[in-house]
N, C-alpha and C. Protein backbone atom coordinates (compact mmCIF):
# COMPACT_ATOMS: atom_id res chain seq x y z
N UNK A 1 -51.70 13.90 -161.26
CA UNK A 1 -51.71 12.80 -160.31
C UNK A 1 -50.34 12.77 -159.62
N UNK A 2 -50.32 12.45 -158.36
CA UNK A 2 -49.09 12.43 -157.58
C UNK A 2 -48.73 11.01 -157.18
N UNK A 3 -47.55 10.84 -156.61
CA UNK A 3 -47.14 9.53 -156.09
C UNK A 3 -48.11 9.05 -155.02
N UNK A 4 -48.61 9.98 -154.23
CA UNK A 4 -49.56 9.63 -153.17
C UNK A 4 -50.85 9.06 -153.75
N UNK A 5 -51.30 9.62 -154.85
CA UNK A 5 -52.50 9.11 -155.52
C UNK A 5 -52.23 7.71 -156.06
N UNK A 6 -51.05 7.51 -156.66
CA UNK A 6 -50.69 6.17 -157.14
C UNK A 6 -50.70 5.17 -155.98
N UNK A 7 -50.16 5.58 -154.85
CA UNK A 7 -50.15 4.71 -153.67
C UNK A 7 -51.57 4.38 -153.23
N UNK A 8 -52.44 5.37 -153.21
CA UNK A 8 -53.84 5.12 -152.83
C UNK A 8 -54.50 4.12 -153.77
N UNK A 9 -54.19 4.22 -155.05
CA UNK A 9 -54.72 3.26 -156.02
C UNK A 9 -54.25 1.85 -155.67
N UNK A 10 -52.96 1.69 -155.40
CA UNK A 10 -52.44 0.36 -155.09
C UNK A 10 -53.03 -0.19 -153.79
N UNK A 11 -53.35 0.68 -152.84
CA UNK A 11 -53.99 0.22 -151.60
C UNK A 11 -55.41 -0.28 -151.85
N UNK A 12 -56.02 0.14 -152.94
CA UNK A 12 -57.35 -0.34 -153.29
C UNK A 12 -57.32 -1.76 -153.88
N UNK A 13 -56.14 -2.19 -154.32
CA UNK A 13 -56.00 -3.53 -154.90
C UNK A 13 -55.83 -4.56 -153.79
N UNK A 14 -56.46 -5.73 -153.97
CA UNK A 14 -56.18 -6.80 -153.01
C UNK A 14 -54.83 -7.42 -153.37
N UNK A 15 -54.34 -8.35 -152.57
CA UNK A 15 -53.01 -8.90 -152.78
C UNK A 15 -52.85 -9.60 -154.13
N UNK A 16 -53.89 -10.32 -154.57
CA UNK A 16 -53.83 -10.98 -155.87
C UNK A 16 -53.76 -9.96 -157.00
N UNK A 17 -54.56 -8.91 -156.90
CA UNK A 17 -54.55 -7.87 -157.92
C UNK A 17 -53.21 -7.14 -157.94
N UNK A 18 -52.62 -6.91 -156.76
CA UNK A 18 -51.30 -6.29 -156.71
C UNK A 18 -50.27 -7.17 -157.41
N UNK A 19 -50.35 -8.45 -157.18
CA UNK A 19 -49.42 -9.39 -157.82
C UNK A 19 -49.56 -9.33 -159.34
N UNK A 20 -50.77 -9.28 -159.84
CA UNK A 20 -51.01 -9.18 -161.28
C UNK A 20 -50.53 -7.82 -161.80
N UNK A 21 -50.78 -6.76 -161.03
CA UNK A 21 -50.31 -5.41 -161.39
C UNK A 21 -48.79 -5.44 -161.55
N UNK A 22 -48.09 -6.02 -160.58
CA UNK A 22 -46.63 -6.10 -160.64
C UNK A 22 -46.17 -6.97 -161.80
N UNK A 23 -46.93 -8.00 -162.13
CA UNK A 23 -46.59 -8.86 -163.27
C UNK A 23 -46.59 -8.03 -164.56
N UNK A 24 -47.61 -7.18 -164.72
CA UNK A 24 -47.68 -6.32 -165.90
C UNK A 24 -46.52 -5.33 -165.94
N UNK A 25 -46.07 -4.88 -164.77
CA UNK A 25 -44.94 -3.93 -164.74
C UNK A 25 -43.67 -4.54 -165.32
N UNK A 26 -43.57 -5.85 -165.33
CA UNK A 26 -42.39 -6.53 -165.86
C UNK A 26 -42.35 -6.53 -167.39
N UNK A 27 -43.49 -6.26 -168.00
CA UNK A 27 -43.60 -6.33 -169.46
C UNK A 27 -43.08 -5.06 -170.11
N UNK A 28 -42.09 -5.18 -171.00
CA UNK A 28 -41.62 -3.98 -171.72
C UNK A 28 -42.71 -3.48 -172.66
N UNK A 29 -42.71 -2.18 -172.87
CA UNK A 29 -43.64 -1.53 -173.80
C UNK A 29 -45.10 -1.66 -173.41
N UNK A 30 -45.39 -1.85 -172.11
CA UNK A 30 -46.79 -1.81 -171.66
C UNK A 30 -47.36 -0.44 -172.05
N UNK A 31 -46.50 0.56 -171.99
CA UNK A 31 -46.73 1.86 -172.62
C UNK A 31 -45.56 2.03 -173.58
N UNK A 32 -45.87 2.38 -174.81
CA UNK A 32 -44.87 2.44 -175.88
C UNK A 32 -43.58 3.12 -175.44
N UNK A 33 -42.48 2.38 -175.58
CA UNK A 33 -41.17 2.94 -175.32
C UNK A 33 -40.68 2.83 -173.88
N UNK A 34 -41.55 2.38 -172.97
CA UNK A 34 -41.12 2.26 -171.57
C UNK A 34 -40.67 0.83 -171.28
N UNK A 35 -39.59 0.69 -170.51
CA UNK A 35 -39.06 -0.65 -170.22
C UNK A 35 -39.90 -1.37 -169.17
N UNK A 36 -39.73 -2.68 -169.13
CA UNK A 36 -40.30 -3.44 -168.02
C UNK A 36 -39.39 -3.31 -166.81
N UNK A 37 -39.94 -3.62 -165.65
CA UNK A 37 -39.16 -3.62 -164.42
C UNK A 37 -38.80 -5.07 -164.11
N UNK A 38 -37.55 -5.32 -163.80
CA UNK A 38 -37.10 -6.69 -163.55
C UNK A 38 -37.89 -7.33 -162.42
N UNK A 39 -38.23 -8.59 -162.63
CA UNK A 39 -38.98 -9.36 -161.64
C UNK A 39 -38.29 -9.34 -160.28
N UNK A 40 -36.99 -9.44 -160.28
CA UNK A 40 -36.23 -9.46 -159.02
C UNK A 40 -36.40 -8.17 -158.22
N UNK A 41 -36.68 -7.05 -158.91
CA UNK A 41 -36.90 -5.77 -158.22
C UNK A 41 -38.29 -5.69 -157.61
N UNK A 42 -39.23 -6.45 -158.17
CA UNK A 42 -40.63 -6.33 -157.74
C UNK A 42 -41.06 -7.40 -156.74
N UNK A 43 -40.35 -8.52 -156.69
CA UNK A 43 -40.82 -9.69 -155.94
C UNK A 43 -41.21 -9.42 -154.51
N UNK A 44 -40.44 -8.68 -153.77
CA UNK A 44 -40.70 -8.51 -152.35
C UNK A 44 -41.19 -7.10 -151.99
N UNK A 45 -41.59 -6.34 -153.00
CA UNK A 45 -41.97 -4.96 -152.74
C UNK A 45 -43.39 -4.84 -152.21
N UNK A 46 -43.55 -3.97 -151.21
CA UNK A 46 -44.89 -3.61 -150.76
C UNK A 46 -45.42 -2.52 -151.69
N UNK A 47 -46.58 -2.01 -151.39
CA UNK A 47 -47.21 -1.02 -152.25
C UNK A 47 -46.40 0.28 -152.33
N UNK A 48 -45.89 0.74 -151.18
CA UNK A 48 -45.11 1.99 -151.17
C UNK A 48 -43.87 1.87 -152.05
N UNK A 49 -43.15 0.80 -151.88
CA UNK A 49 -41.91 0.62 -152.64
C UNK A 49 -42.20 0.36 -154.12
N UNK A 50 -43.34 -0.25 -154.42
CA UNK A 50 -43.73 -0.44 -155.82
C UNK A 50 -43.89 0.92 -156.50
N UNK A 51 -44.57 1.85 -155.83
CA UNK A 51 -44.73 3.20 -156.38
C UNK A 51 -43.37 3.86 -156.56
N UNK A 52 -42.49 3.74 -155.55
CA UNK A 52 -41.16 4.34 -155.65
C UNK A 52 -40.39 3.81 -156.86
N UNK A 53 -40.44 2.50 -157.08
CA UNK A 53 -39.72 1.90 -158.21
C UNK A 53 -40.35 2.34 -159.53
N UNK A 54 -41.66 2.42 -159.57
CA UNK A 54 -42.33 2.88 -160.79
C UNK A 54 -41.91 4.30 -161.15
N UNK A 55 -41.92 5.19 -160.16
CA UNK A 55 -41.55 6.59 -160.42
C UNK A 55 -40.08 6.68 -160.77
N UNK A 56 -39.24 5.91 -160.11
CA UNK A 56 -37.80 5.89 -160.42
C UNK A 56 -37.56 5.40 -161.84
N UNK A 57 -38.30 4.38 -162.27
CA UNK A 57 -38.11 3.78 -163.59
C UNK A 57 -38.73 4.60 -164.70
N UNK A 58 -39.96 5.08 -164.48
CA UNK A 58 -40.73 5.72 -165.55
C UNK A 58 -40.86 7.23 -165.43
N UNK A 59 -40.49 7.80 -164.27
CA UNK A 59 -40.84 9.19 -164.00
C UNK A 59 -42.30 9.23 -163.58
N UNK A 60 -42.74 10.33 -163.00
CA UNK A 60 -44.11 10.39 -162.49
C UNK A 60 -45.13 10.26 -163.61
N UNK A 61 -44.95 10.99 -164.71
CA UNK A 61 -45.92 10.92 -165.81
C UNK A 61 -45.98 9.52 -166.42
N UNK A 62 -44.82 8.89 -166.60
CA UNK A 62 -44.79 7.53 -167.12
C UNK A 62 -45.45 6.55 -166.17
N UNK A 63 -45.22 6.72 -164.87
CA UNK A 63 -45.84 5.84 -163.87
C UNK A 63 -47.36 5.98 -163.90
N UNK A 64 -47.84 7.19 -164.10
CA UNK A 64 -49.28 7.42 -164.22
C UNK A 64 -49.83 6.72 -165.46
N UNK A 65 -49.13 6.87 -166.59
CA UNK A 65 -49.56 6.22 -167.83
C UNK A 65 -49.60 4.70 -167.67
N UNK A 66 -48.55 4.15 -167.11
CA UNK A 66 -48.48 2.69 -166.92
C UNK A 66 -49.60 2.23 -165.99
N UNK A 67 -49.82 2.97 -164.92
CA UNK A 67 -50.88 2.61 -163.97
C UNK A 67 -52.23 2.56 -164.67
N UNK A 68 -52.52 3.56 -165.48
CA UNK A 68 -53.81 3.59 -166.20
C UNK A 68 -53.96 2.40 -167.13
N UNK A 69 -52.89 2.07 -167.85
CA UNK A 69 -52.95 0.94 -168.79
C UNK A 69 -53.15 -0.37 -168.02
N UNK A 70 -52.40 -0.56 -166.95
CA UNK A 70 -52.50 -1.81 -166.19
C UNK A 70 -53.87 -1.92 -165.52
N UNK A 71 -54.40 -0.83 -164.99
CA UNK A 71 -55.73 -0.88 -164.37
C UNK A 71 -56.79 -1.31 -165.38
N UNK A 72 -56.65 -0.91 -166.63
CA UNK A 72 -57.57 -1.35 -167.68
C UNK A 72 -57.44 -2.84 -167.92
N UNK A 73 -56.22 -3.35 -167.84
CA UNK A 73 -55.97 -4.75 -168.16
C UNK A 73 -56.40 -5.70 -167.04
N UNK A 74 -56.42 -5.25 -165.78
CA UNK A 74 -56.67 -6.23 -164.71
C UNK A 74 -58.14 -6.50 -164.35
N UNK A 75 -59.15 -6.04 -164.76
CA UNK A 75 -59.61 -4.69 -165.05
C UNK A 75 -60.06 -4.00 -163.76
N UNK A 76 -59.43 -2.90 -163.46
CA UNK A 76 -59.81 -2.07 -162.31
C UNK A 76 -59.74 -0.60 -162.68
N UNK A 77 -60.17 -0.26 -163.90
CA UNK A 77 -60.13 1.15 -164.30
C UNK A 77 -61.13 1.99 -163.50
N UNK A 78 -61.98 1.34 -162.70
CA UNK A 78 -62.84 2.09 -161.78
C UNK A 78 -61.98 2.90 -160.81
N UNK A 79 -60.79 2.39 -160.46
CA UNK A 79 -59.91 3.09 -159.54
C UNK A 79 -59.34 4.36 -160.17
N UNK A 80 -59.01 4.27 -161.45
CA UNK A 80 -58.50 5.45 -162.16
C UNK A 80 -59.58 6.52 -162.21
N UNK A 81 -60.81 6.11 -162.53
CA UNK A 81 -61.92 7.06 -162.59
C UNK A 81 -62.19 7.67 -161.22
N UNK A 82 -62.14 6.84 -160.19
CA UNK A 82 -62.38 7.31 -158.82
C UNK A 82 -61.33 8.36 -158.43
N UNK A 83 -60.05 8.09 -158.74
CA UNK A 83 -58.99 9.03 -158.39
C UNK A 83 -59.09 10.31 -159.21
N UNK A 84 -59.46 10.19 -160.49
CA UNK A 84 -59.62 11.39 -161.31
C UNK A 84 -60.71 12.28 -160.75
N UNK A 85 -61.84 11.67 -160.36
CA UNK A 85 -62.94 12.45 -159.79
C UNK A 85 -62.51 13.11 -158.49
N UNK A 86 -61.73 12.39 -157.69
CA UNK A 86 -61.23 12.94 -156.43
C UNK A 86 -60.29 14.12 -156.70
N UNK A 87 -59.41 13.97 -157.69
CA UNK A 87 -58.48 15.05 -158.04
C UNK A 87 -59.23 16.28 -158.54
N UNK A 88 -60.27 16.07 -159.34
CA UNK A 88 -61.07 17.18 -159.85
C UNK A 88 -61.76 17.89 -158.69
N UNK A 89 -62.34 17.12 -157.77
CA UNK A 89 -62.99 17.72 -156.60
C UNK A 89 -62.01 18.52 -155.77
N UNK A 90 -60.82 17.97 -155.56
CA UNK A 90 -59.79 18.68 -154.79
C UNK A 90 -59.37 19.96 -155.50
N UNK A 91 -59.23 19.92 -156.82
CA UNK A 91 -58.84 21.11 -157.58
C UNK A 91 -59.91 22.19 -157.48
N UNK A 92 -61.17 21.78 -157.57
CA UNK A 92 -62.26 22.75 -157.45
C UNK A 92 -62.26 23.37 -156.06
N UNK A 93 -62.05 22.54 -155.04
CA UNK A 93 -62.00 23.06 -153.67
C UNK A 93 -60.83 24.02 -153.49
N UNK A 94 -59.67 23.68 -154.06
CA UNK A 94 -58.51 24.57 -153.98
C UNK A 94 -58.79 25.92 -154.64
N UNK A 95 -59.42 25.89 -155.81
CA UNK A 95 -59.77 27.14 -156.50
C UNK A 95 -60.74 27.97 -155.67
N UNK A 96 -61.72 27.30 -155.09
CA UNK A 96 -62.69 28.00 -154.25
C UNK A 96 -61.99 28.66 -153.06
N UNK A 97 -61.08 27.92 -152.42
CA UNK A 97 -60.33 28.46 -151.28
C UNK A 97 -59.50 29.68 -151.68
N UNK A 98 -58.82 29.59 -152.83
CA UNK A 98 -58.03 30.73 -153.31
C UNK A 98 -58.93 31.92 -153.61
N UNK A 99 -60.06 31.68 -154.24
CA UNK A 99 -61.01 32.74 -154.58
C UNK A 99 -61.50 33.42 -153.29
N UNK A 100 -61.77 32.62 -152.28
CA UNK A 100 -62.24 33.17 -151.01
C UNK A 100 -61.19 34.07 -150.38
N UNK A 101 -59.92 33.67 -150.47
CA UNK A 101 -58.84 34.49 -149.91
C UNK A 101 -58.66 35.79 -150.67
N UNK A 102 -58.82 35.73 -151.97
CA UNK A 102 -58.66 36.93 -152.79
C UNK A 102 -59.77 37.93 -152.52
N UNK A 103 -60.95 37.45 -152.26
CA UNK A 103 -62.10 38.32 -152.07
C UNK A 103 -62.34 38.71 -150.62
N UNK A 104 -61.35 38.58 -149.77
CA UNK A 104 -61.51 38.97 -148.37
C UNK A 104 -61.24 40.44 -148.20
C-alpha cells in the first residue's frame, strides 16, 4: 500500500469519520509500540497532510497498520478491503502487461 492509497482511503471518509479517525491517531499504542500523534498536530490538517504526518510519525508500514486498525474501530474496514482488492487487481494487470512485453 502506498501513501496515495492511504489518501484515497481518507477521501472516502466523511468529515465526521475523518475527525474520529484523527482522534484515534492521538491514542498511543493503537498499534503496539507506536506513539500517538499530538492533538495540536492534527487539529487543522486536511486529508493530504494527515497522511503526511502519519507516514512521518509511523513510517509507511506503520501508517498502513494504524489505518487498518482505525478503520476497524470506526467501523469502515470496507475501505481497507476495497483498497486491497484494487491493489490486487492493479498487480495482476501489471504482471499481465510485463508478460505481454516479454512475449513480443
